[in-house]
Amino acid sequence: MTAGITRRTTAARSRTAAVGAVAVAGTLLLAGCGDQTGKGSDGGPDSSASSSAPLADKLPSDIRKAGVIKVGSDIAYPPVEFMKGGKATGIDPDIAEALGKQLGVKFEFQNGKFDQLVVGLQAGRTQVIMSAMNDTKDRQNGIDSDSGKKAGDGVDFVDYFTAGTSILVQKGNPKGIKSLDDLCGKVVALQRGTTSEGVAKAQSKKCTKDGGKAIKLLTFDTDPEALLRLKQGASVADLNDFPVAAYNAKTSGGGKDFEVIGEQIEAGPYGIGVGKKNTQLRDALQAAMNAIIENGDYKKILEKWNVTDGGVTEAKINGGS
């Protein structure tokens, strides 16, 4: 199984927290782990990269002067973002590096819990979110997806990738799982606060409505914790984004631990999250994304991680549904 993405026509969500839960979550704990800003001879940011970057003048002056964009990310989601050699690596960090060359700044990744990343953004601890976060109308409008009530200011997105939810099972599929319907009455492990959890909850309601048993959910702060329960046989499946599911199927245990079954569920766009009031930064990121799409850097990154089928041809703003 490769990490190429099978497209589906249903536009939906992927690895997103319920907005209300995010808006009222506790304090975001961030640990810096990205590249640090270069320093000039006067101790300030090195302006040489900014002065030579083609799109530097599109950035807000304070960010251009600082030479850094602080990125909130849950860096435990390979191949999208994960730690290797003490540094954030993966699809998102590679795209961020390419964007930085266009804008003349460094993207400094800071690690935090996924369901608290919007809190950090809105509190000003970070300036963008890059964390396999899907662009949805609820998130754009600050709506709690569970209650349907307004819970925050919302977030703008610069869309840069497409992915859906997949079902990951033990190698050989010993429980015979073929679709979401086969999860009724069984134990499923997944990351807390993601749309995978939303997919599982919606399916559980369908199970009981059809006269079956509800899904028993085991939720965790990170996806690796959920994968461990699946590997141990404590659950029959883990739901996560397709490129992540495919990556784990290929690499965990040398490809002997897991496999992906079925097609993607509700494919939709990943977006770079930006605060609603920070429109200049949002537009600068869109321009930079379109630039790396046009110059071929974007394609090279997707080819490197074997996820070309998830590529977009244009960076749209708030294109999620």
Protein backbone atom coordinates (compact mmCIF):
# COMPACT_ATOMS: atom_id res chain seq x y z
CA MET A 1 0.00 0.00 0.00
CA THR A 2 1.50 3.32 -1.02
CA ALA A 3 0.59 6.69 0.35
CA GLY A 4 -1.01 7.89 -2.85
CA ILE A 5 -4.49 9.26 -2.20
CA THR A 6 -7.62 7.92 -3.85
CA ARG A 7 -9.87 10.92 -4.50
CA ARG A 8 -13.55 10.85 -3.61
CA THR A 9 -16.19 13.37 -4.62
CA THR A 10 -17.54 13.96 -1.12
CA ALA A 11 -15.85 17.04 0.33
CA ALA A 12 -15.54 16.73 4.07
CA ARG A 13 -13.12 16.77 6.95
CA SER A 14 -9.90 15.23 8.20
CA ARG A 15 -7.98 15.27 11.48
CA THR A 16 -9.88 18.31 12.81
CA ALA A 17 -10.88 19.01 16.37
CA ALA A 18 -14.43 20.05 17.23
CA VAL A 19 -14.18 23.81 17.25
CA GLY A 20 -16.04 24.35 20.49
CA ALA A 21 -13.79 21.95 22.35
CA VAL A 22 -10.80 23.71 20.91
CA ALA A 23 -12.09 27.18 21.78
CA VAL A 24 -12.60 26.35 25.43
CA ALA A 25 -9.59 24.06 25.82
CA GLY A 26 -6.95 24.70 28.43
CA THR A 27 -3.66 26.47 27.99
CA LEU A 28 -1.59 25.35 25.03
CA LEU A 29 1.74 23.91 26.07
CA LEU A 30 4.28 24.54 23.35
CA ALA A 31 7.83 23.27 23.13
CA GLY A 32 9.88 24.92 20.40
CA CYS A 33 11.51 22.43 18.07
CA GLY A 34 11.95 24.18 14.73
CA ASP A 35 14.83 26.02 13.15
CA GLN A 36 15.78 29.19 14.97
CA THR A 37 16.01 32.53 13.22
CA GLY A 38 19.37 33.51 11.77
CA LYS A 39 21.05 36.47 13.47
CA GLY A 40 22.82 39.38 11.89
CA SER A 41 26.01 40.97 13.19
CA ASP A 42 23.97 43.36 15.33
CA GLY A 43 22.18 40.49 17.08
CA GLY A 44 18.94 41.11 15.20
CA PRO A 45 17.31 38.93 12.53
CA ASP A 46 19.30 38.40 9.35
CA SER A 47 17.53 40.51 6.71
CA SER A 48 19.50 39.16 3.73
CA ALA A 49 17.10 36.28 3.10
CA SER A 50 14.10 38.60 3.35
CA SER A 51 15.55 41.17 0.99
CA SER A 52 16.17 38.56 -1.71
CA ALA A 53 12.87 36.68 -1.32
CA PRO A 54 10.39 37.39 -4.13
CA LEU A 55 7.31 37.70 -1.92
CA ALA A 56 8.79 39.19 1.26
CA ASP A 57 7.00 42.49 0.78
CA LYS A 58 3.63 40.76 1.07
CA LEU A 59 4.22 39.87 4.72
CA PRO A 60 3.16 42.06 7.65
CA SER A 61 6.08 44.31 8.58
CA ASP A 62 6.48 42.87 12.09
CA ILE A 63 6.85 39.31 10.76
CA ARG A 64 9.19 40.45 8.00
CA LYS A 65 11.34 42.23 10.56
CA ALA A 66 11.38 39.27 12.96
CA GLY A 67 12.22 36.85 10.16
CA VAL A 68 10.15 34.09 11.78
CA ILE A 69 6.65 32.65 11.49
CA LYS A 70 5.73 30.63 14.58
CA VAL A 71 3.86 27.45 13.66
CA GLY A 72 1.60 25.46 15.99
CA SER A 73 1.68 21.74 15.21
CA ASP A 74 1.06 18.34 16.78
CA ILE A 75 4.32 16.78 15.61
CA ALA A 76 3.38 13.12 15.97
CA TYR A 77 1.63 12.38 12.69
CA PRO A 78 4.01 10.84 10.14
CA PRO A 79 4.43 11.42 7.27
CA VAL A 80 2.72 14.83 7.60
CA GLU A 81 4.83 15.96 10.56
CA PHE A 82 6.99 14.03 12.99
CA MET A 83 10.24 14.33 14.92
CA LYS A 84 13.46 12.93 13.48
CA GLY A 85 16.86 13.69 14.91
CA GLY A 86 15.34 16.28 17.20
CA LYS A 87 13.84 18.22 14.30
CA ALA A 88 10.34 18.48 12.83
CA THR A 89 10.21 16.71 9.47
CA GLY A 90 7.58 15.54 7.00
CA ILE A 91 5.22 17.00 4.41
CA ASP A 92 4.24 20.12 6.38
CA PRO A 93 7.78 21.12 7.44
CA ASP A 94 9.01 20.62 3.86
CA ILE A 95 6.20 22.80 2.50
CA ALA A 96 6.90 25.38 5.20
CA GLU A 97 10.56 25.51 4.20
CA ALA A 98 9.60 26.08 0.55
CA LEU A 99 7.17 28.82 1.58
CA GLY A 100 9.89 30.41 3.68
CA LYS A 101 12.14 30.75 0.64
CA GLN A 102 9.41 32.69 -1.13
CA LEU A 103 8.68 34.91 1.88
CA GLY A 104 12.19 35.33 3.27
CA VAL A 105 11.40 33.95 6.74
CA LYS A 106 11.92 30.80 8.79
CA PHE A 107 8.93 28.71 9.86
CA GLU A 108 9.54 27.72 13.48
CA PHE A 109 7.52 24.63 14.44
CA GLN A 110 6.31 24.42 18.02
CA ASN A 111 4.85 21.20 19.37
CA GLY A 112 1.46 21.12 21.08
CA LYS A 113 -1.64 18.98 21.54
CA PHE A 114 -3.75 18.96 18.41
CA ASP A 115 -7.00 19.89 20.12
CA GLN A 116 -5.38 23.02 21.60
CA LEU A 117 -3.66 24.44 18.52
CA VAL A 118 -6.44 26.92 17.74
CA VAL A 119 -6.26 28.17 21.33
CA GLY A 120 -2.58 28.93 20.85
CA LEU A 121 -3.25 30.68 17.56
CA GLN A 122 -6.00 32.87 18.94
CA ALA A 123 -3.95 33.68 22.04
CA GLY A 124 -1.09 34.87 19.83
CA ARG A 125 1.37 32.18 20.90
CA THR A 126 1.64 31.09 17.28
CA GLN A 127 0.87 32.84 14.01
CA VAL A 128 -0.21 29.88 11.89
CA ILE A 129 -1.21 26.24 12.27
CA MET A 130 0.26 23.51 10.07
CA SER A 131 -0.82 20.17 11.44
CA ALA A 132 -2.83 18.13 8.91
CA MET A 133 -5.74 20.32 9.96
CA ASN A 134 -8.70 20.23 7.63
CA ASP A 135 -10.49 23.34 6.43
CA THR A 136 -14.19 23.13 7.35
CA LYS A 137 -17.03 25.65 7.51
CA ASP A 138 -17.49 24.99 11.21
CA ARG A 139 -13.87 25.79 11.93
CA GLN A 140 -13.95 28.85 9.67
CA ASN A 141 -16.99 30.18 11.53
CA GLY A 142 -15.99 29.14 15.05
CA ILE A 143 -18.85 26.65 15.39
CA ASP A 144 -18.77 23.73 17.81
CA SER A 145 -19.37 20.77 15.49
CA ASP A 146 -21.01 18.73 18.25
CA SER A 147 -23.44 21.36 19.56
CA GLY A 148 -23.77 23.54 16.47
CA LYS A 149 -23.27 26.64 18.65
CA LYS A 150 -20.89 29.55 18.18
CA ALA A 151 -17.78 28.95 20.26
CA GLY A 152 -15.05 31.25 18.93
CA ASP A 153 -13.90 33.71 16.29
CA GLY A 154 -13.06 31.01 13.77
CA VAL A 155 -9.98 30.54 11.61
CA ASP A 156 -9.13 31.32 7.98
CA PHE A 157 -7.41 28.63 5.94
CA VAL A 158 -5.03 28.54 3.00
CA ASP A 159 -5.74 25.14 1.46
CA TYR A 160 -2.73 23.12 0.32
CA PHE A 161 -3.55 19.38 0.26
CA THR A 162 -6.45 16.93 0.10
CA ALA A 163 -7.00 13.86 2.30
CA GLY A 164 -9.76 11.76 3.84
CA THR A 165 -10.17 9.34 6.74
CA SER A 166 -9.05 5.71 6.42
CA ILE A 167 -9.57 2.55 8.44
CA LEU A 168 -6.34 0.93 9.64
CA VAL A 169 -6.48 -2.66 10.92
CA GLN A 170 -4.00 -5.32 12.01
CA LYS A 171 -2.09 -6.97 9.19
CA GLY A 172 -4.16 -9.73 7.65
CA ASN A 173 -7.35 -8.09 8.94
CA PRO A 174 -8.06 -10.84 11.51
CA LYS A 175 -11.37 -9.26 12.56
CA GLY A 176 -12.67 -9.09 8.99
CA ILE A 177 -13.30 -5.33 8.96
CA LYS A 178 -14.38 -4.15 5.52
CA SER A 179 -16.20 -0.88 6.17
CA LEU A 180 -17.44 1.46 8.90
CA ASP A 181 -20.50 -0.73 9.34
CA ASP A 182 -18.27 -3.56 10.57
CA LEU A 183 -17.13 -1.40 13.50
CA CYS A 184 -20.55 -1.51 15.21
CA GLY A 185 -20.27 -2.97 18.71
CA LYS A 186 -16.47 -3.15 18.48
CA VAL A 187 -13.60 -1.23 20.06
CA VAL A 188 -11.97 1.47 17.91
CA ALA A 189 -8.90 3.49 18.93
CA LEU A 190 -8.17 6.98 17.59
CA GLN A 191 -6.79 10.41 18.39
CA ARG A 192 -8.98 12.60 20.58
CA GLY A 193 -10.53 15.72 19.08
CA THR A 194 -10.04 14.79 15.44
CA THR A 195 -12.59 14.40 12.70
CA SER A 196 -11.77 10.71 12.74
CA GLU A 197 -13.45 10.77 16.14
CA GLY A 198 -16.37 12.64 14.56
CA VAL A 199 -16.62 10.01 11.82
CA ALA A 200 -16.61 7.24 14.42
CA LYS A 201 -19.28 8.96 16.55
CA ALA A 202 -21.51 9.50 13.52
CA GLN A 203 -21.11 5.86 12.56
CA SER A 204 -21.87 4.78 16.13
CA LYS A 205 -25.18 6.66 16.01
CA LYS A 206 -25.95 4.96 12.72
CA CYS A 207 -25.17 1.60 14.30
CA THR A 208 -27.69 2.10 17.12
CA LYS A 209 -30.29 3.62 14.80
CA ASP A 210 -30.11 0.50 12.67
CA GLY A 211 -30.63 -1.68 15.73
CA GLY A 212 -27.00 -2.56 16.35
CA LYS A 213 -24.54 -1.78 19.12
CA ALA A 214 -22.61 1.45 19.49
CA ILE A 215 -18.90 1.65 18.74
CA LYS A 216 -16.72 1.57 21.85
CA LEU A 217 -14.22 4.41 21.43
CA LEU A 218 -10.77 4.52 22.98
CA THR A 219 -9.43 8.07 22.50
CA PHE A 220 -5.89 9.31 23.07
CA ASP A 221 -3.90 12.54 22.91
CA THR A 222 -1.80 11.24 20.01
CA ASP A 223 -2.27 8.82 17.15
CA PRO A 224 0.77 6.67 18.10
CA GLU A 225 -1.02 5.82 21.36
CA ALA A 226 -4.05 4.65 19.39
CA LEU A 227 -1.84 2.65 17.03
CA LEU A 228 -0.25 0.88 19.99
CA ARG A 229 -3.67 -0.29 21.20
CA LEU A 230 -4.45 -1.60 17.73
CA LYS A 231 -1.10 -3.38 17.52
CA GLN A 232 -1.76 -4.97 20.92
CA GLY A 233 -5.19 -6.15 19.81
CA ALA A 234 -7.02 -3.93 22.30
CA SER A 235 -8.99 -2.44 19.38
CA VAL A 236 -10.09 -3.70 15.99
CA ALA A 237 -9.21 -0.53 14.08
CA ASP A 238 -7.70 2.95 14.18
CA LEU A 239 -9.21 5.77 12.12
CA ASN A 240 -6.83 8.44 10.84
CA ASP A 241 -5.92 10.41 7.72
CA PHE A 242 -5.18 8.33 4.65
CA PRO A 243 -1.54 9.38 4.13
CA VAL A 244 -0.88 8.67 7.81
CA ALA A 245 -2.66 5.32 7.70
CA ALA A 246 -0.82 4.32 4.52
CA TYR A 247 2.53 5.43 5.97
CA ASN A 248 2.03 3.35 9.11
CA ALA A 249 0.89 0.35 7.08
CA LYS A 250 4.08 0.58 5.05
CA THR A 251 6.59 1.30 7.82
CA SER A 252 5.39 -0.08 11.18
CA GLY A 253 7.06 -3.38 11.92
CA GLY A 254 8.57 -3.35 8.47
CA GLY A 255 5.07 -3.39 7.01
CA LYS A 256 3.97 -6.37 9.11
CA ASP A 257 1.81 -4.58 11.71
CA PHE A 258 -1.05 -2.89 9.86
CA GLU A 259 -2.96 -2.57 6.62
CA VAL A 260 -5.46 -0.05 5.21
CA ILE A 261 -8.86 -1.38 4.17
CA GLY A 262 -11.46 0.25 1.95
CA GLU A 263 -11.34 3.68 0.33
CA GLN A 264 -10.99 7.11 1.87
CA ILE A 265 -13.97 8.49 3.77
CA GLU A 266 -15.05 12.10 3.21
CA ALA A 267 -11.94 13.53 1.54
CA GLY A 268 -11.41 17.26 2.02
CA PRO A 269 -8.69 19.94 2.11
CA TYR A 270 -5.93 20.48 4.64
CA GLY A 271 -5.42 24.15 5.38
CA ILE A 272 -2.80 26.39 6.93
CA GLY A 273 -4.73 28.05 9.77
CA VAL A 274 -4.45 31.81 10.24
CA GLY A 275 -6.30 34.15 12.62
CA LYS A 276 -9.32 35.91 11.13
CA LYS A 277 -7.80 39.36 11.62
CA ASN A 278 -4.44 38.45 10.10
CA THR A 279 -5.54 38.76 6.48
CA GLN A 280 -2.23 40.12 5.21
CA LEU A 281 -0.36 37.05 6.47
CA ARG A 282 -3.09 34.79 5.07
CA ASP A 283 -2.84 36.38 1.63
CA ALA A 284 0.97 36.23 1.71
CA LEU A 285 0.82 32.51 2.45
CA GLN A 286 -1.63 31.98 -0.39
CA ALA A 287 0.69 33.81 -2.79
CA ALA A 288 3.66 31.75 -1.59
CA MET A 289 1.73 28.48 -1.93
CA ASN A 290 0.70 29.34 -5.48
CA ALA A 291 4.32 30.25 -6.24
CA ILE A 292 5.70 26.86 -5.13
CA ILE A 293 2.90 25.09 -7.00
CA GLU A 294 3.88 26.98 -10.14
CA ASN A 295 7.66 26.55 -9.80
CA GLY A 296 7.48 22.81 -9.11
CA ASP A 297 8.79 22.78 -5.52
CA TYR A 298 5.40 21.64 -4.23
CA LYS A 299 5.29 18.68 -6.62
CA LYS A 300 8.80 17.60 -5.60
CA ILE A 301 7.78 17.56 -1.94
CA LEU A 302 4.70 15.43 -2.64
CA GLU A 303 6.78 13.07 -4.76
CA LYS A 304 9.33 12.77 -1.95
CA TRP A 305 6.60 11.60 0.45
CA ASN A 306 4.66 9.59 -2.17
CA VAL A 307 1.45 11.61 -1.74
CA THR A 308 1.09 13.21 -5.17
CA ASP A 309 -2.58 12.21 -5.50
CA GLY A 310 -3.38 14.61 -2.65
CA GLY A 311 -1.90 17.58 -4.43
CA VAL A 312 -3.85 20.71 -5.31
CA THR A 313 -3.45 22.91 -8.38
CA GLU A 314 -4.36 26.13 -6.60
CA ALA A 315 -4.15 27.38 -3.01
CA LYS A 316 -7.69 28.46 -2.20
CA ILE A 317 -8.78 30.41 0.87
CA ASN A 318 -11.52 28.75 2.96
CA GLY A 319 -12.36 26.20 0.28
CA GLY A 320 -13.57 23.58 2.77
CA SER A 321 -17.20 22.68 3.29
